Amino acid sequence: MTTRSINDNVVEIRKSKQYVGAFIASLGGFTLGVSLGWNSSAGEVFRNHLDATSTEIGVIGCILNAGAFAGAILAPFIVKWFTRPTAMFGTMPALVVGWTLICIAGQQAILLMIGRIICGVTSGVFCVLTPLYVAEVADKKIRGRLLSFFQVFINLGVMYAFVVAHMIGEQETVWKYSSICGIACLSIGLAKLLPESPFYYLSRNDEINAEKSLRWYRGNTSDIEHEVSEMKRLVRMTQPPKSSFELIKNLRVLRSFVACLGVVLGHQLSSVNVMIFYALTLFNTIGSGELTGSEQTLLVASVQILASLIATFFVDILGRRILLAVSTSFMGLFLILLGWFFSLRDGDPEYEEIYSWMSPAWIILFFGAFNIGLGPISWSLLGDVLPVEVRLPVAAGVVSFGWLVSLIATLTFDEMIIALGATKAMWLSAGICWLTTLFCAIVVKDSTGKSLIEVQEEHFGQESDRAIEET
């Protein structure tokens, strides 16, 4: 009984440290969520009180995407000089500058834009580094769950921004609101407490620090020899690195690239980010039943958090492919229903009063469906489904392309609504969601319950005589 109790404690220790590491590394998602949610209320203030044109309001909202695009591109260059935790911690001064510019901007749109770009750059860095870092420190049994934390923290950041906006209320200036949002983002300073991953150290022939890192995450009493051995095999697969042409010839490698890209595209083209950017304006415009627009944003944010927490529980049980299929299928269904309501309302305005609950209900369920699968998994795929030789640059490329698509989608959303009408625009987004369902069912491979070395060997067929020496 004593032995069992001791072993149970050891297991609990190794899991608790991994949860702490994933929690801290995912705080970058919180800063991204705050930046996303900030625009919902601030955009309304710009529209109603400040001397800002509709173009300036639109640019202030979506220029965060441009910054995230740049940050994702910069991430591989940053980690050439710094460890991932140091790079995460190093984004804090940039965030201070970005939020300071936003706070002092007043009615100067150019300062708001610069501040938003800087905040976007730091978010783009985290979107690349967090999944890679968490995948390298997590045990295979809970890796999917820990990778899902990033989306949970994005939702917590959105909720924080919505709650602050609801409590402060609409003002003629946004400096107080922005300062409270900016201060919360300084929580990323905790990244300084994290050790670099053992794989990172082994790739630099630093076995002593690799073992220290692994013991920090597994506990001093854990047997780490097997994991160190596996990581050494993984490192040897990248030395010497294969040429880009040789990797591309491997159809399984190409499939992993396409899978990540397709899921990220489905994420960005589903209109989720646009709805978050302009949530308050959206609910004030289309109605929100018995609730005010501000109260509706809080309800949406709460549903997002709940759904993403459910996803962290089920991802290592059901697997990513099933959750992706369920998520995108229901996203398409709720967008179809939302478009159907718009068509009823356009045909007979009385429907808006009779069925006032419909638009908020379908939007809330849409966000819930998004966060049960597509939201968290679009980030977590970057951590462990790409070949280790090119994981960092490819992940950076996929993330930057996703944010570029999001930027274009946000800038053209109004034109799409005008050209197609609200009903057809929602149905177009629904079609994209269902195409994503089909894509995921065919292309995405599940890595649930597999170590990184198992993913590398089974998914990409990469083995070597040198690796076999360790068995």
Protein backbone atom coordinates (compact mmCIF):
# COMPACT_ATOMS: atom_id res chain seq x y z
CA MET A 1 0.00 0.00 0.00
CA THR A 2 2.89 2.28 0.89
CA THR A 3 4.59 1.62 -2.41
CA ARG A 4 1.36 2.32 -4.30
CA SER A 5 0.91 5.55 -2.37
CA ILE A 6 4.46 6.64 -3.15
CA ASN A 7 4.06 5.84 -6.83
CA ASP A 8 0.80 7.74 -6.96
CA ASN A 9 2.54 10.78 -5.50
CA VAL A 10 5.30 10.52 -8.07
CA VAL A 11 2.77 10.44 -10.90
CA GLU A 12 0.96 13.43 -9.43
CA ILE A 13 4.19 15.41 -9.12
CA ARG A 14 5.22 14.79 -12.72
CA LYS A 15 1.81 15.84 -13.98
CA SER A 16 1.52 18.91 -11.77
CA LYS A 17 4.81 20.39 -13.01
CA GLN A 18 3.76 19.82 -16.62
CA TYR A 19 0.45 21.57 -15.98
CA VAL A 20 2.33 24.49 -14.42
CA GLY A 21 4.67 24.70 -17.40
CA ALA A 22 1.84 24.58 -19.94
CA PHE A 23 -0.12 27.12 -17.87
CA ILE A 24 2.73 29.65 -17.88
CA ALA A 25 3.70 29.06 -21.52
CA SER A 26 0.06 29.57 -22.53
CA LEU A 27 -0.16 33.00 -20.89
CA GLY A 28 0.76 34.40 -24.30
CA GLY A 29 -2.67 33.18 -25.38
CA PHE A 30 -4.17 35.31 -22.61
CA THR A 31 -2.44 38.43 -23.97
CA LEU A 32 -3.73 37.58 -27.45
CA GLY A 33 -7.25 37.14 -26.10
CA VAL A 34 -7.13 40.48 -24.30
CA SER A 35 -5.99 42.18 -27.52
CA LEU A 36 -8.78 40.48 -29.49
CA GLY A 37 -11.48 41.31 -26.96
CA TRP A 38 -10.26 44.90 -26.42
CA ASN A 39 -11.42 45.97 -29.86
CA SER A 40 -15.02 44.91 -29.23
CA SER A 41 -15.67 47.69 -26.73
CA ALA A 42 -13.02 50.16 -27.88
CA GLY A 43 -14.34 50.01 -31.43
CA GLU A 44 -17.77 51.12 -30.19
CA VAL A 45 -16.21 54.09 -28.37
CA PHE A 46 -14.31 55.10 -31.52
CA ARG A 47 -17.50 54.83 -33.53
CA ASN A 48 -19.75 56.77 -31.14
CA HIS A 49 -17.53 59.35 -29.44
CA LEU A 50 -14.17 59.85 -31.11
CA ASP A 51 -13.38 61.62 -34.33
CA ALA A 52 -12.38 58.45 -36.20
CA THR A 53 -13.44 57.46 -39.69
CA SER A 54 -14.91 54.03 -40.42
CA THR A 55 -11.68 53.16 -42.26
CA GLU A 56 -9.56 54.07 -39.23
CA ILE A 57 -11.82 52.05 -36.94
CA GLY A 58 -11.52 49.06 -39.24
CA VAL A 59 -7.74 49.33 -39.50
CA ILE A 60 -7.31 49.74 -35.73
CA GLY A 61 -9.31 46.55 -35.26
CA CYS A 62 -7.66 44.29 -37.82
CA ILE A 63 -4.10 45.63 -37.75
CA LEU A 64 -3.45 43.30 -34.81
CA ASN A 65 -3.52 40.52 -37.44
CA ALA A 66 -0.75 42.24 -39.40
CA GLY A 67 1.37 42.39 -36.26
CA ALA A 68 0.73 38.70 -35.50
CA PHE A 69 1.73 37.89 -39.09
CA ALA A 70 5.05 39.68 -38.58
CA GLY A 71 5.60 38.13 -35.15
CA ALA A 72 5.15 34.61 -36.48
CA ILE A 73 7.75 35.27 -39.19
CA LEU A 74 10.20 36.66 -36.62
CA ALA A 75 9.83 33.74 -34.17
CA PRO A 76 12.38 31.38 -35.84
CA PHE A 77 14.99 34.15 -35.91
CA ILE A 78 14.42 35.08 -32.27
CA VAL A 79 15.02 31.55 -30.99
CA LYS A 80 18.36 31.41 -32.77
CA TRP A 81 19.62 33.80 -30.09
CA PHE A 82 17.39 33.04 -27.12
CA THR A 83 15.72 30.05 -25.48
CA ARG A 84 11.95 29.83 -25.85
CA PRO A 85 11.19 30.88 -22.22
CA THR A 86 13.59 33.82 -22.56
CA ALA A 87 11.95 34.83 -25.84
CA MET A 88 8.51 34.63 -24.20
CA PHE A 89 9.70 36.73 -21.27
CA GLY A 90 11.35 39.16 -23.70
CA THR A 91 8.00 40.06 -25.23
CA MET A 92 7.02 41.85 -22.01
CA PRO A 93 8.88 45.12 -22.76
CA ALA A 94 7.30 45.19 -26.21
CA LEU A 95 3.85 44.73 -24.67
CA VAL A 96 4.53 47.59 -22.24
CA VAL A 97 5.37 49.85 -25.18
CA GLY A 98 2.37 48.69 -27.21
CA TRP A 99 -0.21 49.16 -24.47
CA THR A 100 1.36 52.46 -23.38
CA LEU A 101 0.90 53.84 -26.89
CA ILE A 102 -2.71 52.67 -26.87
CA CYS A 103 -3.34 54.28 -23.48
CA ILE A 104 -1.87 57.70 -24.40
CA ALA A 105 -3.19 57.78 -27.96
CA GLY A 106 -6.34 59.76 -27.21
CA GLN A 107 -7.83 60.52 -30.62
CA GLN A 108 -4.58 59.91 -32.51
CA ALA A 109 -5.36 56.88 -34.63
CA ILE A 110 -1.75 56.42 -35.70
CA LEU A 111 -0.62 55.75 -32.11
CA LEU A 112 -3.43 53.25 -31.67
CA MET A 113 -2.37 51.47 -34.84
CA ILE A 114 1.30 51.29 -33.82
CA GLY A 115 0.37 50.03 -30.38
CA ARG A 116 -1.91 47.36 -31.84
CA ILE A 117 0.79 46.22 -34.27
CA ILE A 118 3.30 45.80 -31.43
CA CYS A 119 0.79 43.80 -29.37
CA GLY A 120 0.13 41.69 -32.46
CA VAL A 121 3.83 40.97 -32.96
CA THR A 122 4.15 39.55 -29.44
CA SER A 123 1.02 37.44 -29.98
CA GLY A 124 2.41 36.04 -33.23
CA VAL A 125 5.61 34.97 -31.45
CA PHE A 126 3.60 33.10 -28.82
CA CYS A 127 1.37 31.43 -31.43
CA VAL A 128 4.49 29.72 -32.81
CA LEU A 129 6.60 29.10 -29.72
CA THR A 130 3.99 27.93 -27.21
CA PRO A 131 2.75 24.81 -29.08
CA LEU A 132 6.32 23.73 -29.88
CA TYR A 133 7.53 24.21 -26.31
CA VAL A 134 4.55 22.50 -24.66
CA ALA A 135 4.77 19.52 -27.04
CA GLU A 136 8.42 18.99 -26.07
CA VAL A 137 7.86 19.01 -22.30
CA ALA A 138 4.53 17.15 -22.09
CA ASP A 139 4.09 13.46 -21.43
CA LYS A 140 2.42 11.69 -24.34
CA LYS A 141 -0.63 10.77 -22.23
CA ILE A 142 -1.59 14.40 -21.57
CA ARG A 143 0.12 16.24 -24.44
CA GLY A 144 -3.12 16.94 -26.29
CA ARG A 145 -4.69 18.36 -23.14
CA LEU A 146 -1.75 20.63 -22.36
CA LEU A 147 -1.57 21.86 -25.96
CA SER A 148 -5.24 22.83 -25.69
CA PHE A 149 -4.45 25.25 -22.87
CA PHE A 150 -3.45 27.92 -25.40
CA GLN A 151 -7.03 28.26 -26.66
CA VAL A 152 -8.37 28.20 -23.09
CA PHE A 153 -6.16 31.16 -22.24
CA ILE A 154 -7.15 33.02 -25.41
CA ASN A 155 -10.75 32.69 -24.23
CA LEU A 156 -9.84 33.79 -20.70
CA GLY A 157 -8.19 36.88 -22.19
CA VAL A 158 -11.28 37.66 -24.26
CA MET A 159 -13.46 37.22 -21.16
CA TYR A 160 -11.20 39.52 -19.15
CA ALA A 161 -11.47 42.27 -21.76
CA PHE A 162 -15.26 41.86 -21.99
CA VAL A 163 -15.70 41.92 -18.19
CA VAL A 164 -13.57 45.04 -17.80
CA ALA A 165 -15.49 46.77 -20.59
CA HIS A 166 -18.82 45.78 -19.00
CA MET A 167 -17.81 47.06 -15.57
CA ILE A 168 -16.33 50.35 -16.77
CA GLY A 169 -19.05 51.07 -19.29
CA GLU A 170 -18.74 53.16 -22.41
CA GLN A 171 -16.60 56.28 -21.95
CA GLU A 172 -15.45 59.06 -24.21
CA THR A 173 -11.90 57.82 -23.81
CA VAL A 174 -10.48 54.32 -23.62
CA TRP A 175 -7.30 55.01 -21.64
CA LYS A 176 -8.64 53.55 -18.37
CA TYR A 177 -9.98 50.47 -20.11
CA SER A 178 -6.74 50.00 -22.06
CA SER A 179 -4.52 50.41 -19.00
CA ILE A 180 -6.41 47.71 -17.07
CA CYS A 181 -6.14 45.39 -20.08
CA GLY A 182 -2.44 46.14 -20.56
CA ILE A 183 -1.48 45.55 -16.94
CA ALA A 184 -2.99 42.06 -17.01
CA CYS A 185 -0.83 41.16 -20.01
CA LEU A 186 2.32 41.56 -17.89
CA SER A 187 1.56 38.11 -16.45
CA ILE A 188 3.75 36.68 -19.21
CA GLY A 189 6.74 37.66 -17.07
CA LEU A 190 6.24 34.31 -15.32
CA ALA A 191 7.83 32.68 -18.39
CA LYS A 192 11.19 33.54 -16.85
CA LEU A 193 10.56 30.75 -14.31
CA LEU A 194 10.41 28.00 -16.94
CA PRO A 195 13.36 25.81 -17.92
CA GLU A 196 13.98 25.23 -21.61
CA SER A 197 12.79 21.87 -22.93
CA PRO A 198 15.06 18.82 -22.66
CA PHE A 199 14.90 18.34 -26.44
CA TYR A 200 16.26 21.85 -26.94
CA TYR A 201 19.25 21.12 -24.69
CA LEU A 202 19.95 17.74 -26.28
CA SER A 203 19.90 19.32 -29.73
CA ARG A 204 22.78 21.46 -28.47
CA ASN A 205 24.64 18.51 -26.88
CA ASP A 206 23.87 19.71 -23.36
CA GLU A 207 22.82 16.50 -21.67
CA ILE A 208 23.27 17.82 -18.12
CA ASN A 209 20.74 20.63 -18.52
CA ALA A 210 18.46 18.32 -20.50
CA GLU A 211 18.26 15.94 -17.54
CA LYS A 212 17.71 18.86 -15.15
CA SER A 213 14.85 20.11 -17.29
CA LEU A 214 13.27 16.67 -17.54
CA ARG A 215 13.53 16.14 -13.80
CA TRP A 216 11.89 19.52 -13.24
CA TYR A 217 8.93 18.35 -15.29
CA ARG A 218 8.89 14.70 -14.17
CA GLY A 219 10.04 14.94 -10.56
CA ASN A 220 13.35 13.96 -8.98
CA THR A 221 12.20 10.42 -8.27
CA SER A 222 11.06 9.65 -11.81
CA ASP A 223 13.02 7.33 -14.07
CA ILE A 224 13.95 9.63 -16.98
CA GLU A 225 16.48 7.43 -18.74
CA HIS A 226 13.99 6.06 -21.27
CA GLU A 227 12.72 9.53 -22.22
CA VAL A 228 16.26 10.89 -22.54
CA SER A 229 17.08 7.94 -24.78
CA GLU A 230 14.04 8.62 -26.98
CA MET A 231 14.89 12.31 -27.24
CA LYS A 232 18.43 11.46 -28.28
CA ARG A 233 17.03 9.33 -31.07
CA LEU A 234 14.80 12.21 -32.09
CA VAL A 235 17.77 14.58 -32.16
CA ARG A 236 19.82 12.17 -34.27
CA MET A 237 17.06 12.09 -36.87
CA THR A 238 17.75 15.76 -37.51
CA GLN A 239 21.53 15.43 -37.85
CA PRO A 240 22.50 16.02 -40.55
CA PRO A 241 19.18 17.69 -41.55
CA LYS A 242 17.54 16.45 -44.70
CA SER A 243 17.27 18.83 -47.63
CA SER A 244 13.96 20.59 -48.19
CA PHE A 245 13.56 18.78 -51.53
CA GLU A 246 14.08 15.39 -49.91
CA LEU A 247 11.47 16.16 -47.25
CA ILE A 248 8.92 17.39 -49.79
CA LYS A 249 9.27 14.13 -51.74
CA ASN A 250 7.97 12.30 -48.67
CA LEU A 251 4.18 12.31 -49.20
CA ARG A 252 3.54 11.74 -45.49
CA VAL A 253 5.56 14.85 -44.65
CA LEU A 254 3.68 16.83 -47.29
CA ARG A 255 0.42 15.56 -45.84
CA SER A 256 1.36 16.95 -42.40
CA PHE A 257 2.10 20.36 -43.94
CA VAL A 258 -1.22 20.40 -45.76
CA ALA A 259 -3.11 19.21 -42.67
CA CYS A 260 -1.82 22.06 -40.51
CA LEU A 261 -2.41 24.62 -43.25
CA GLY A 262 -5.94 23.39 -43.98
CA VAL A 263 -7.04 23.41 -40.35
CA VAL A 264 -5.59 26.89 -39.76
CA LEU A 265 -7.34 28.15 -42.90
CA GLY A 266 -10.63 26.67 -41.71
CA HIS A 267 -10.10 28.47 -38.40
CA GLN A 268 -9.41 31.86 -39.95
CA LEU A 269 -12.08 31.69 -42.69
CA SER A 270 -14.87 30.63 -40.32
CA SER A 271 -15.50 34.31 -39.35
CA VAL A 272 -14.69 33.62 -35.67
CA ASN A 273 -12.06 36.35 -35.32
CA VAL A 274 -14.24 38.91 -37.09
CA MET A 275 -17.11 38.22 -34.68
CA ILE A 276 -14.80 38.58 -31.66
CA PHE A 277 -13.26 41.81 -32.99
CA TYR A 278 -16.69 43.40 -33.39
CA ALA A 279 -18.74 41.38 -30.85
CA LEU A 280 -20.36 44.37 -29.12
CA THR A 281 -21.19 46.05 -32.42
CA LEU A 282 -22.53 42.75 -33.77
CA PHE A 283 -24.92 42.18 -30.88
CA ASN A 284 -26.02 45.81 -30.78
CA THR A 285 -26.80 45.61 -34.49
CA ILE A 286 -28.51 42.24 -34.90
CA GLY A 287 -30.11 42.18 -31.47
CA SER A 288 -29.47 40.00 -28.47
CA GLY A 289 -32.82 38.94 -27.13
CA GLU A 290 -33.56 40.09 -23.58
CA LEU A 291 -29.88 40.86 -22.89
CA THR A 292 -27.91 43.99 -23.67
CA GLY A 293 -25.09 43.73 -26.20
CA SER A 294 -22.52 43.94 -23.37
CA GLU A 295 -24.22 41.16 -21.40
CA GLN A 296 -24.31 39.06 -24.55
CA THR A 297 -20.54 39.36 -25.00
CA LEU A 298 -20.07 38.04 -21.46
CA LEU A 299 -22.32 35.06 -22.21
CA VAL A 300 -20.40 34.27 -25.39
CA ALA A 301 -17.07 34.51 -23.56
CA SER A 302 -18.33 32.20 -20.80
CA VAL A 303 -19.48 29.60 -23.33
CA GLN A 304 -16.11 29.77 -25.07
CA ILE A 305 -14.24 29.07 -21.84
CA LEU A 306 -16.55 26.20 -20.91
CA ALA A 307 -16.33 24.62 -24.37
CA SER A 308 -12.53 24.87 -24.52
CA LEU A 309 -12.25 23.29 -21.06
CA ILE A 310 -14.44 20.43 -22.26
CA ALA A 311 -12.11 20.05 -25.24
CA THR A 312 -9.07 19.71 -22.95
CA PHE A 313 -10.81 16.81 -21.23
CA PHE A 314 -11.89 14.94 -24.34
CA VAL A 315 -8.99 15.56 -26.72
CA ASP A 316 -6.84 12.76 -25.27
CA ILE A 317 -9.86 10.42 -25.10
CA LEU A 318 -11.61 10.90 -28.45
CA GLY A 319 -8.64 12.16 -30.44
CA ARG A 320 -8.26 15.26 -32.57
CA ARG A 321 -9.83 14.02 -35.78
CA ILE A 322 -13.16 13.22 -34.12
CA LEU A 323 -13.26 16.53 -32.25
CA LEU A 324 -12.42 18.43 -35.43
CA ALA A 325 -15.21 16.70 -37.33
CA VAL A 326 -17.78 17.31 -34.59
CA SER A 327 -16.68 20.90 -34.11
CA THR A 328 -16.70 22.01 -37.75
CA SER A 329 -19.92 20.12 -38.54
CA PHE A 330 -21.85 21.92 -35.82
CA MET A 331 -20.21 25.25 -36.65
CA GLY A 332 -21.61 24.93 -40.18
CA LEU A 333 -25.04 23.91 -38.84
CA PHE A 334 -25.34 26.92 -36.53
CA LEU A 335 -24.21 29.32 -39.26
CA ILE A 336 -26.88 27.86 -41.56
CA LEU A 337 -29.48 28.45 -38.85
CA LEU A 338 -28.22 31.99 -38.28
CA GLY A 339 -28.46 32.73 -41.99
CA TRP A 340 -31.94 31.20 -42.07
CA PHE A 341 -33.04 33.55 -39.28
CA PHE A 342 -31.66 36.52 -41.21
CA SER A 343 -33.68 35.45 -44.26
CA LEU A 344 -36.86 35.19 -42.17
CA ARG A 345 -36.22 38.60 -40.65
CA ASP A 346 -35.58 40.19 -44.03
CA GLY A 347 -38.82 38.72 -45.38
CA ASP A 348 -40.95 39.77 -42.41
CA PRO A 349 -39.53 42.15 -39.74
CA GLU A 350 -42.00 40.76 -37.19
CA TYR A 351 -39.88 37.63 -36.94
CA GLU A 352 -37.18 39.70 -35.21
CA GLU A 353 -39.51 40.34 -32.27
CA ILE A 354 -41.07 36.88 -32.20
CA TYR A 355 -37.79 34.98 -32.45
CA SER A 356 -35.42 37.51 -30.88
CA TRP A 357 -33.66 34.66 -29.08
CA MET A 358 -32.50 33.04 -32.32
CA SER A 359 -29.55 35.18 -33.36
CA PRO A 360 -27.82 35.14 -29.93
CA ALA A 361 -28.57 31.43 -29.51
CA TRP A 362 -27.03 30.40 -32.85
CA ILE A 363 -24.00 32.67 -32.34
CA ILE A 364 -23.37 31.32 -28.83
CA LEU A 365 -23.65 27.72 -30.05
CA PHE A 366 -21.36 28.55 -32.99
CA PHE A 367 -18.66 29.77 -30.62
CA GLY A 368 -19.18 26.75 -28.40
CA ALA A 369 -18.77 24.39 -31.35
CA PHE A 370 -15.63 26.24 -32.46
CA ASN A 371 -13.98 25.89 -29.07
CA ILE A 372 -14.83 22.22 -28.67
CA GLY A 373 -12.43 21.31 -31.48
CA LEU A 374 -11.28 23.62 -34.26
CA GLY A 375 -10.11 26.43 -31.95
CA PRO A 376 -7.74 24.50 -29.66
CA ILE A 377 -6.66 21.89 -32.21
CA SER A 378 -5.65 24.40 -34.89
CA TRP A 379 -2.87 25.49 -32.50
CA SER A 380 -2.01 22.11 -31.00
CA LEU A 381 -1.40 20.45 -34.39
CA LEU A 382 1.63 22.69 -34.80
CA GLY A 383 3.27 21.10 -31.79
CA ASP A 384 3.59 17.49 -32.83
CA VAL A 385 2.40 16.63 -36.34
CA LEU A 386 5.23 18.28 -38.27
CA PRO A 387 8.61 16.62 -38.91
CA VAL A 388 11.03 17.76 -36.25
CA GLU A 389 13.67 18.87 -38.81
CA VAL A 390 11.51 21.70 -40.11
CA ARG A 391 8.92 22.07 -37.37
CA LEU A 392 9.85 25.61 -36.32
CA PRO A 393 10.03 27.30 -39.75
CA VAL A 394 6.96 25.43 -41.06
CA ALA A 395 4.93 26.24 -37.95
CA ALA A 396 5.96 29.88 -38.32
CA GLY A 397 4.94 29.84 -41.98
CA VAL A 398 1.56 28.26 -41.26
CA VAL A 399 0.78 30.69 -38.42
CA SER A 400 1.86 33.75 -40.41
CA PHE A 401 -0.21 32.64 -43.41
CA GLY A 402 -3.20 32.09 -41.13
CA TRP A 403 -2.97 35.59 -39.70
CA LEU A 404 -2.57 37.04 -43.20
CA VAL A 405 -5.76 35.28 -44.28
CA SER A 406 -7.47 36.56 -41.13
CA LEU A 407 -6.37 40.09 -41.96
CA ILE A 408 -7.79 39.85 -45.48
CA ALA A 409 -11.01 38.25 -44.23
CA THR A 410 -11.51 40.96 -41.62
CA LEU A 411 -10.86 43.77 -44.09
CA THR A 412 -13.27 42.33 -46.65
CA PHE A 413 -16.01 41.13 -44.27
CA ASP A 414 -18.14 44.28 -44.63
CA GLU A 415 -17.85 44.14 -48.42
CA MET A 416 -18.88 40.48 -48.36
CA ILE A 417 -21.96 41.30 -46.25
CA ILE A 418 -22.90 44.13 -48.63
CA ALA A 419 -22.33 42.06 -51.77
CA LEU A 420 -23.96 38.81 -50.63
CA GLY A 421 -26.26 39.88 -47.85
CA ALA A 422 -26.10 38.55 -44.28
CA THR A 423 -27.87 35.30 -45.13
CA LYS A 424 -25.61 34.23 -47.99
CA ALA A 425 -22.50 35.40 -46.11
CA MET A 426 -23.37 33.10 -43.20
CA TRP A 427 -24.10 30.23 -45.58
CA LEU A 428 -20.77 30.77 -47.32
CA SER A 429 -18.98 30.54 -43.98
CA ALA A 430 -21.01 27.42 -43.19
CA GLY A 431 -19.85 25.86 -46.46
CA ILE A 432 -16.24 26.57 -45.49
CA CYS A 433 -16.82 24.87 -42.13
CA TRP A 434 -18.24 21.75 -43.79
CA LEU A 435 -15.41 21.64 -46.30
CA THR A 436 -13.06 21.75 -43.32
CA THR A 437 -14.94 18.77 -41.84
CA LEU A 438 -14.34 16.75 -45.00
CA PHE A 439 -10.72 17.89 -45.19
CA CYS A 440 -10.01 16.86 -41.58
CA ALA A 441 -11.62 13.45 -42.04
CA ILE A 442 -9.41 12.72 -45.06
CA VAL A 443 -6.10 14.47 -44.34
CA VAL A 444 -5.57 14.94 -40.59
CA LYS A 445 -3.79 12.09 -38.82
CA ASP A 446 -4.21 11.64 -35.08
CA SER A 447 -1.16 11.63 -32.81
CA THR A 448 -3.08 11.07 -29.56
CA GLY A 449 -1.20 8.93 -27.05
CA LYS A 450 2.02 8.83 -29.11
CA SER A 451 5.38 10.20 -28.08
CA LEU A 452 7.20 12.59 -30.38
CA ILE A 453 9.59 9.84 -31.49
CA GLU A 454 6.62 7.57 -32.30
CA VAL A 455 4.98 10.32 -34.33
CA GLN A 456 8.22 10.90 -36.19
CA GLU A 457 8.70 7.24 -37.05
CA GLU A 458 5.08 6.22 -37.72
CA HIS A 459 3.82 9.33 -39.48
CA PHE A 460 6.90 10.11 -41.55
CA GLY A 461 8.58 6.71 -41.78
CA GLN A 462 11.83 8.15 -40.45
CA GLU A 463 14.15 5.63 -38.85
CA SER A 464 17.89 5.29 -38.86
CA ASP A 465 20.53 2.75 -37.88
CA ARG A 466 21.91 5.23 -35.39
CA ALA A 467 18.49 5.51 -33.76
CA ILE A 468 18.14 1.75 -33.46
CA GLU A 469 21.39 1.59 -31.45
CA GLU A 470 19.49 2.96 -28.46
CA THR A 471 16.89 0.15 -28.47
